[in-house]
Amino acid sequence: MQSDIVIVGGGAGGLELACKLGRKLGPNKVTLVDSRLYHVWKPSLHEVAAGTLDIHQEGLSYQMLAHDRGFSFVYGAMTALDTAGKRLTIAAVNAGDGEEVLPERTLGYRSLVIAVGSTSNYFGVPGAREHTISLNATEDAERFRLRLLRLLAQAEQQKEDGGADAGLDIVIIGGGATGVELAAELREASGAYAAYGFRRLQLQRDVRITLIEGAPRILAPLPERVSAAATRLLDQRAISVVTDCRVSAIDRHQVSDSKGNVYPADLCVWAAGIRAPEFLGSLGLPVARGGQIEVDAHLRVKGVADVWALGDCAACTDGNGKPVPPRAQAAHQQADFLVRTF
């Protein structure tokens, strides 16, 4: 397979770039590669997790978008890159039963854009990877939602059997936008829970939510008045906010902090930081300390011809030399810039 422009990653920036270049350049010029079949806007994953957003209704099919916007779609994950030969390797795709659906393939390019986003940074906290769920993709959000439903059903049964104190504890680690929005959404989802027949649970009382943040306040990058207002709203929803708290270990049943405090946790979400996907370090591209691909002011990968990177996976600085924050808005702006480049 061969394409003039190959974009790897169908997140906020990659998908926008594919759609705009497809319209600009016409059919058979642009190919989007992604390991999933559907796009769900990542900032909405907390709604999927809480059960207030149906991914089957809100998800955008890459195949349908490709047909409508004039680009091609290749299903699979990039596993290797040959910059000298200008081709990348795409992994085989297997069904749930292990049967191979699509074989391993190679895809040639004239210009390559890497937009594979980010993954969770666990900062070496023991048990964090094993005992938490991170909302990086739709399957993570679905896993959280199904586990939440199972725990609610167990608590409901315990109530029916006479366990007056039955309930569950949810701990969200990370008081940034994802953590704060998930905590609030879980409280707002009471109506959705009731639809599953949980009649005995008093959700405000029996579902205990704790939000843990290492900084002195939640939403630390935003103005202090915004943080204060968000804290008040969470308090009104009976959500416990713990700041200046460094998580030291996590196991199946609890979260421990550096001061010796212990927080019961039947369900734990990690929203405390991100880093570039680890596989980027194996592609032979220059990477920064956080694993991001090093790019210049034009988003070109440093020292590599005809390869660009954008979004969370790119180590990009602004006009003042400060790192561009990993935000969907920044990825959209970078996509607009590259549309003018090609």
Protein backbone atom coordinates (compact mmCIF):
# COMPACT_ATOMS: atom_id res chain seq x y z
CA MET A 1 0.00 0.00 0.00
CA GLN A 2 1.13 3.54 -0.73
CA SER A 3 -0.25 7.01 0.08
CA ASP A 4 0.96 10.56 -0.47
CA ILE A 5 0.17 11.61 3.12
CA VAL A 6 -0.20 9.12 5.97
CA ILE A 7 -1.59 10.28 9.33
CA VAL A 8 -1.17 7.86 12.24
CA GLY A 9 -3.69 8.49 15.00
CA GLY A 10 -7.32 9.54 14.72
CA GLY A 11 -7.62 11.68 17.83
CA ALA A 12 -8.57 15.35 17.95
CA GLY A 13 -5.69 16.60 15.80
CA GLY A 14 -5.15 13.62 13.52
CA LEU A 15 -8.79 13.23 12.55
CA GLU A 16 -9.23 16.94 11.90
CA LEU A 17 -6.12 16.96 9.72
CA ALA A 18 -7.32 13.94 7.73
CA CYS A 19 -10.76 15.47 7.14
CA LYS A 20 -9.42 18.85 6.05
CA LEU A 21 -6.67 17.44 3.84
CA GLY A 22 -9.10 14.96 2.31
CA ARG A 23 -11.36 17.83 1.25
CA LYS A 24 -8.41 19.95 0.13
CA LEU A 25 -6.45 17.36 -1.87
CA GLY A 26 -9.18 15.03 -3.09
CA PRO A 27 -9.53 11.23 -3.05
CA ASN A 28 -6.63 8.77 -2.76
CA LYS A 29 -4.15 11.32 -1.42
CA VAL A 30 -4.56 11.00 2.36
CA THR A 31 -4.67 7.88 4.55
CA LEU A 32 -5.58 7.78 8.24
CA VAL A 33 -4.29 4.86 10.35
CA ASP A 34 -5.84 4.03 13.72
CA SER A 35 -6.01 1.00 15.98
CA ARG A 36 -9.71 1.57 16.60
CA LEU A 37 -12.73 1.73 14.30
CA TYR A 38 -14.50 4.62 16.02
CA HIS A 39 -13.53 8.06 17.26
CA VAL A 40 -14.92 9.34 20.54
CA TRP A 41 -13.73 12.76 21.65
CA LYS A 42 -11.35 11.99 24.53
CA PRO A 43 -12.63 14.77 26.82
CA SER A 44 -16.02 13.01 26.71
CA LEU A 45 -14.75 9.67 28.02
CA HIS A 46 -15.75 10.57 31.59
CA GLU A 47 -19.36 10.66 30.36
CA VAL A 48 -18.98 7.19 28.83
CA ALA A 49 -17.49 5.96 32.11
CA ALA A 50 -20.36 7.42 34.14
CA GLY A 51 -22.91 5.90 31.80
CA THR A 52 -24.39 9.20 30.61
CA LEU A 53 -22.99 8.96 27.06
CA ASP A 54 -23.61 6.02 24.72
CA ILE A 55 -20.54 5.40 22.55
CA HIS A 56 -22.68 3.48 20.06
CA GLN A 57 -24.63 6.68 19.40
CA GLU A 58 -21.85 9.24 19.80
CA GLY A 59 -18.89 7.38 18.28
CA LEU A 60 -17.82 8.46 14.80
CA SER A 61 -16.93 5.69 12.35
CA TYR A 62 -13.54 6.33 10.73
CA GLN A 63 -14.68 4.38 7.68
CA MET A 64 -17.78 6.53 7.21
CA LEU A 65 -15.83 9.73 7.80
CA ALA A 66 -13.25 8.61 5.26
CA HIS A 67 -15.98 8.06 2.68
CA ASP A 68 -17.56 11.45 3.38
CA ARG A 69 -14.37 13.53 3.68
CA GLY A 70 -12.25 12.10 0.89
CA PHE A 71 -9.52 10.20 2.75
CA SER A 72 -8.76 6.49 3.15
CA PHE A 73 -8.81 4.57 6.43
CA VAL A 74 -6.51 1.72 7.44
CA TYR A 75 -7.40 -0.24 10.57
CA GLY A 76 -4.48 -1.27 12.76
CA ALA A 77 -1.69 -0.04 15.03
CA MET A 78 1.68 1.21 13.79
CA THR A 79 4.44 -0.99 15.21
CA ALA A 80 7.55 -0.02 13.24
CA LEU A 81 8.85 2.78 11.04
CA ASP A 82 11.47 2.79 8.28
CA THR A 83 12.21 6.45 7.61
CA ALA A 84 14.85 5.65 4.99
CA GLY A 85 12.45 3.50 2.97
CA LYS A 86 9.48 5.73 3.85
CA ARG A 87 7.21 2.96 5.02
CA LEU A 88 5.59 1.90 8.26
CA THR A 89 4.44 -1.46 9.57
CA ILE A 90 0.85 -1.95 10.72
CA ALA A 91 0.11 -4.80 13.12
CA ALA A 92 -2.28 -7.62 12.39
CA VAL A 93 -5.81 -7.19 13.74
CA ASN A 94 -7.33 -10.10 15.66
CA ALA A 95 -10.93 -10.77 16.65
CA GLY A 96 -11.95 -11.33 20.26
CA ASP A 97 -11.47 -15.09 19.86
CA GLY A 98 -7.92 -14.60 18.59
CA GLU A 99 -8.70 -15.26 14.93
CA GLU A 100 -6.75 -13.00 12.58
CA VAL A 101 -9.02 -10.54 10.80
CA LEU A 102 -6.36 -8.51 8.99
CA PRO A 103 -2.72 -9.53 8.45
CA GLU A 104 0.34 -7.44 9.21
CA ARG A 105 0.80 -4.85 6.47
CA THR A 106 3.24 -2.20 5.29
CA LEU A 107 2.21 1.26 4.12
CA GLY A 108 4.45 3.57 2.12
CA TYR A 109 4.27 7.35 2.35
CA ARG A 110 5.64 10.55 0.88
CA SER A 111 4.78 12.56 4.00
CA LEU A 112 4.03 11.12 7.44
CA VAL A 113 2.25 12.77 10.38
CA ILE A 114 2.33 11.06 13.78
CA ALA A 115 -0.59 12.01 16.03
CA VAL A 116 -0.91 9.09 18.43
CA GLY A 117 -1.84 11.12 21.51
CA SER A 118 -0.82 10.15 25.02
CA THR A 119 -1.17 7.47 27.66
CA SER A 120 -1.10 7.46 31.45
CA ASN A 121 1.98 8.35 33.46
CA TYR A 122 1.95 6.33 36.69
CA PHE A 123 5.10 7.97 38.09
CA GLY A 124 6.30 4.65 39.46
CA VAL A 125 3.55 4.42 42.10
CA PRO A 126 3.33 0.76 43.22
CA GLY A 127 0.07 -0.85 42.14
CA ALA A 128 -1.12 2.10 40.07
CA ARG A 129 -0.95 0.34 36.73
CA GLU A 130 -2.46 -2.90 38.06
CA HIS A 131 -5.24 -1.58 40.28
CA THR A 132 -6.57 1.55 38.57
CA ILE A 133 -8.44 2.36 35.39
CA SER A 134 -7.22 5.23 33.21
CA LEU A 135 -9.63 6.87 30.78
CA ASN A 136 -7.39 6.83 27.72
CA ALA A 137 -9.78 5.12 25.30
CA THR A 138 -13.39 4.03 24.90
CA GLU A 139 -12.62 0.50 26.11
CA ASP A 140 -11.22 1.94 29.35
CA ALA A 141 -14.38 3.97 29.91
CA GLU A 142 -16.56 0.96 29.12
CA ARG A 143 -14.53 -1.19 31.53
CA PHE A 144 -15.07 1.39 34.28
CA ARG A 145 -18.80 1.59 33.56
CA LEU A 146 -19.30 -2.18 33.63
CA ARG A 147 -17.26 -2.58 36.81
CA LEU A 148 -19.27 0.22 38.42
CA LEU A 149 -22.53 -1.51 37.49
CA ARG A 150 -21.26 -4.79 38.96
CA LEU A 151 -20.29 -3.10 42.23
CA LEU A 152 -23.62 -1.28 42.41
CA ALA A 153 -25.46 -4.55 41.86
CA GLN A 154 -23.46 -6.20 44.66
CA ALA A 155 -24.20 -3.32 47.02
CA GLU A 156 -27.88 -3.43 46.10
CA GLN A 157 -27.98 -7.16 46.89
CA GLN A 158 -26.25 -6.56 50.22
CA LYS A 159 -28.90 -3.94 51.05
CA GLU A 160 -31.62 -6.44 50.17
CA ASP A 161 -29.97 -9.01 52.45
CA GLY A 162 -30.06 -6.58 55.36
CA GLY A 163 -26.67 -4.90 55.09
CA ALA A 164 -27.61 -1.38 56.08
CA ASP A 165 -24.07 -0.06 55.61
CA ALA A 166 -23.58 -1.55 52.14
CA GLY A 167 -22.16 0.80 49.53
CA LEU A 168 -19.02 1.41 47.55
CA ASP A 169 -16.02 3.69 47.56
CA ILE A 170 -14.71 5.33 44.38
CA VAL A 171 -11.34 7.05 44.47
CA ILE A 172 -10.26 9.33 41.62
CA ILE A 173 -6.56 10.20 41.63
CA GLY A 174 -5.87 13.47 39.84
CA GLY A 175 -7.71 16.74 40.25
CA GLY A 176 -7.32 17.99 36.71
CA ALA A 177 -10.16 18.37 34.23
CA THR A 178 -10.66 14.62 33.72
CA GLY A 179 -10.80 13.80 37.42
CA VAL A 180 -13.05 16.71 38.36
CA GLU A 181 -15.46 16.11 35.49
CA LEU A 182 -15.66 12.38 36.21
CA ALA A 183 -16.42 12.98 39.89
CA ALA A 184 -19.19 15.44 39.04
CA GLU A 185 -20.58 13.24 36.26
CA LEU A 186 -20.81 10.23 38.56
CA ARG A 187 -23.05 12.23 40.88
CA GLU A 188 -25.17 13.53 38.01
CA ALA A 189 -25.64 9.96 36.72
CA SER A 190 -28.01 8.96 39.54
CA GLY A 191 -30.93 8.75 37.14
CA ALA A 192 -29.02 6.40 34.88
CA TYR A 193 -28.21 4.12 37.82
CA ALA A 194 -31.84 4.04 38.92
CA ALA A 195 -32.80 2.77 35.47
CA TYR A 196 -30.89 -0.43 36.27
CA GLY A 197 -33.18 -1.10 39.21
CA PHE A 198 -30.98 0.04 42.08
CA ARG A 199 -33.83 1.09 44.36
CA ARG A 200 -32.41 0.46 47.82
CA LEU A 201 -29.15 2.32 47.36
CA GLN A 202 -29.15 5.96 48.37
CA LEU A 203 -26.59 7.01 45.80
CA GLN A 204 -25.64 10.31 47.42
CA ARG A 205 -24.90 8.50 50.68
CA ASP A 206 -23.93 4.96 49.67
CA VAL A 207 -21.65 5.79 46.72
CA ARG A 208 -18.73 7.56 48.36
CA ILE A 209 -16.48 9.52 45.99
CA THR A 210 -13.04 10.84 46.93
CA LEU A 211 -10.96 13.04 44.62
CA ILE A 212 -7.23 13.15 45.42
CA GLU A 213 -4.90 15.86 44.07
CA GLY A 214 -1.19 16.32 44.72
CA ALA A 215 -1.23 20.10 44.23
CA PRO A 216 -2.60 22.58 46.80
CA ARG A 217 -5.82 22.91 44.78
CA ILE A 218 -7.74 21.11 42.05
CA LEU A 219 -7.62 22.43 38.48
CA ALA A 220 -4.24 23.91 39.35
CA PRO A 221 -3.44 25.35 35.87
CA LEU A 222 -6.62 27.45 35.96
CA PRO A 223 -7.22 30.66 37.95
CA GLU A 224 -7.70 30.14 41.68
CA ARG A 225 -11.29 31.42 41.56
CA VAL A 226 -12.16 28.60 39.12
CA SER A 227 -10.59 26.02 41.43
CA ALA A 228 -12.48 27.43 44.41
CA ALA A 229 -15.80 27.37 42.57
CA ALA A 230 -15.23 23.78 41.42
CA THR A 231 -14.33 22.72 44.96
CA ARG A 232 -17.56 24.23 46.29
CA LEU A 233 -19.63 22.46 43.65
CA LEU A 234 -18.01 19.12 44.42
CA ASP A 235 -18.59 19.65 48.14
CA GLN A 236 -22.27 20.36 47.46
CA ARG A 237 -22.42 16.99 45.68
CA ALA A 238 -20.94 15.19 48.70
CA ILE A 239 -17.63 14.56 46.95
CA SER A 240 -14.62 14.56 49.25
CA VAL A 241 -11.70 16.60 47.85
CA VAL A 242 -8.23 15.89 49.28
CA THR A 243 -5.40 18.19 48.15
CA ASP A 244 -1.66 18.27 48.89
CA CYS A 245 -1.83 14.49 48.86
CA ARG A 246 0.86 12.27 47.35
CA VAL A 247 -0.30 8.74 46.61
CA SER A 248 2.34 6.23 47.67
CA ALA A 249 0.73 2.85 46.89
CA ILE A 250 -2.46 1.28 45.58
CA ASP A 251 -3.84 -2.22 46.02
CA ARG A 252 -7.14 -3.93 45.24
CA HIS A 253 -8.96 -2.39 48.18
CA GLN A 254 -7.32 0.89 49.14
CA VAL A 255 -5.14 3.87 48.26
CA SER A 256 -2.32 4.91 50.60
CA ASP A 257 -0.63 8.30 50.72
CA SER A 258 2.78 9.50 51.86
CA LYS A 259 1.39 10.70 55.21
CA GLY A 260 0.10 7.27 56.17
CA ASN A 261 -3.55 7.93 55.36
CA VAL A 262 -5.58 5.15 53.78
CA TYR A 263 -8.61 5.62 51.50
CA PRO A 264 -10.92 2.62 50.89
CA ALA A 265 -11.30 2.00 47.15
CA ASP A 266 -13.58 -0.51 45.49
CA LEU A 267 -13.00 1.29 42.20
CA CYS A 268 -10.03 3.52 41.46
CA VAL A 269 -9.39 5.84 38.51
CA TRP A 270 -5.95 7.20 37.60
CA ALA A 271 -6.15 10.69 36.11
CA ALA A 272 -2.93 12.07 37.56
CA GLY A 273 -0.78 12.59 34.51
CA ILE A 274 0.04 11.62 30.95
CA ARG A 275 3.07 10.74 28.86
CA ALA A 276 3.71 9.83 25.25
CA PRO A 277 3.10 6.19 24.26
CA GLU A 278 6.16 4.08 25.04
CA PHE A 279 6.40 2.54 21.56
CA LEU A 280 7.50 5.91 20.14
CA GLY A 281 10.91 5.28 21.68
CA SER A 282 11.40 2.25 19.41
CA LEU A 283 10.77 4.06 16.12
CA GLY A 284 14.22 5.61 15.78
CA LEU A 285 12.90 9.16 16.15
CA PRO A 286 14.33 11.77 18.53
CA VAL A 287 12.32 11.82 21.74
CA ALA A 288 12.31 14.25 24.65
CA ARG A 289 12.52 13.36 28.32
CA GLY A 290 8.80 12.64 28.60
CA GLY A 291 8.87 10.34 25.58
CA GLN A 292 7.39 12.90 23.19
CA ILE A 293 8.77 13.27 19.68
CA GLU A 294 11.02 16.28 19.30
CA VAL A 295 9.74 18.70 16.66
CA ASP A 296 10.75 22.13 15.40
CA ALA A 297 8.60 25.25 15.14
CA HIS A 298 6.96 23.84 12.00
CA LEU A 299 6.11 20.50 13.70
CA ARG A 300 8.75 18.70 11.63
CA VAL A 301 10.48 15.86 13.47
CA LYS A 302 14.01 17.02 14.13
CA GLY A 303 16.58 15.44 11.85
CA VAL A 304 14.09 13.27 9.96
CA ALA A 305 12.90 14.15 6.47
CA ASP A 306 9.19 14.25 5.60
CA VAL A 307 7.92 13.31 9.07
CA TRP A 308 5.81 15.59 11.29
CA ALA A 309 4.20 15.12 14.71
CA LEU A 310 1.36 16.93 16.46
CA GLY A 311 -0.75 16.82 19.58
CA ASP A 312 0.12 15.20 22.90
CA CYS A 313 2.85 13.02 21.38
CA ALA A 314 4.86 16.02 20.10
CA ALA A 315 7.32 18.01 22.25
CA CYS A 316 6.34 21.40 20.88
CA THR A 317 7.10 24.83 22.37
CA ASP A 318 5.23 28.09 21.90
CA GLY A 319 6.63 31.47 20.90
CA ASN A 320 7.93 32.02 24.44
CA GLY A 321 9.76 28.72 24.55
CA LYS A 322 7.23 27.13 26.90
CA PRO A 323 5.88 23.61 26.25
CA VAL A 324 2.53 23.57 24.48
CA PRO A 325 0.06 21.96 26.93
CA PRO A 326 -1.47 18.59 26.01
CA ARG A 327 -4.93 19.90 25.17
CA ALA A 328 -7.37 19.12 22.37
CA GLN A 329 -7.44 22.82 21.50
CA ALA A 330 -3.68 22.81 20.87
CA ALA A 331 -3.99 19.72 18.66
CA HIS A 332 -6.71 21.44 16.60
CA GLN A 333 -4.51 24.50 16.13
CA GLN A 334 -1.58 22.35 15.06
CA ALA A 335 -3.80 20.48 12.60
CA ASP A 336 -4.88 23.79 11.06
CA PHE A 337 -1.22 24.76 10.72
CA LEU A 338 -0.33 21.52 8.93
CA VAL A 339 -3.30 21.85 6.56
CA ARG A 340 -1.59 24.98 5.25
CA THR A 341 1.74 23.14 5.06
CA PHE A 342 0.60 20.39 2.70
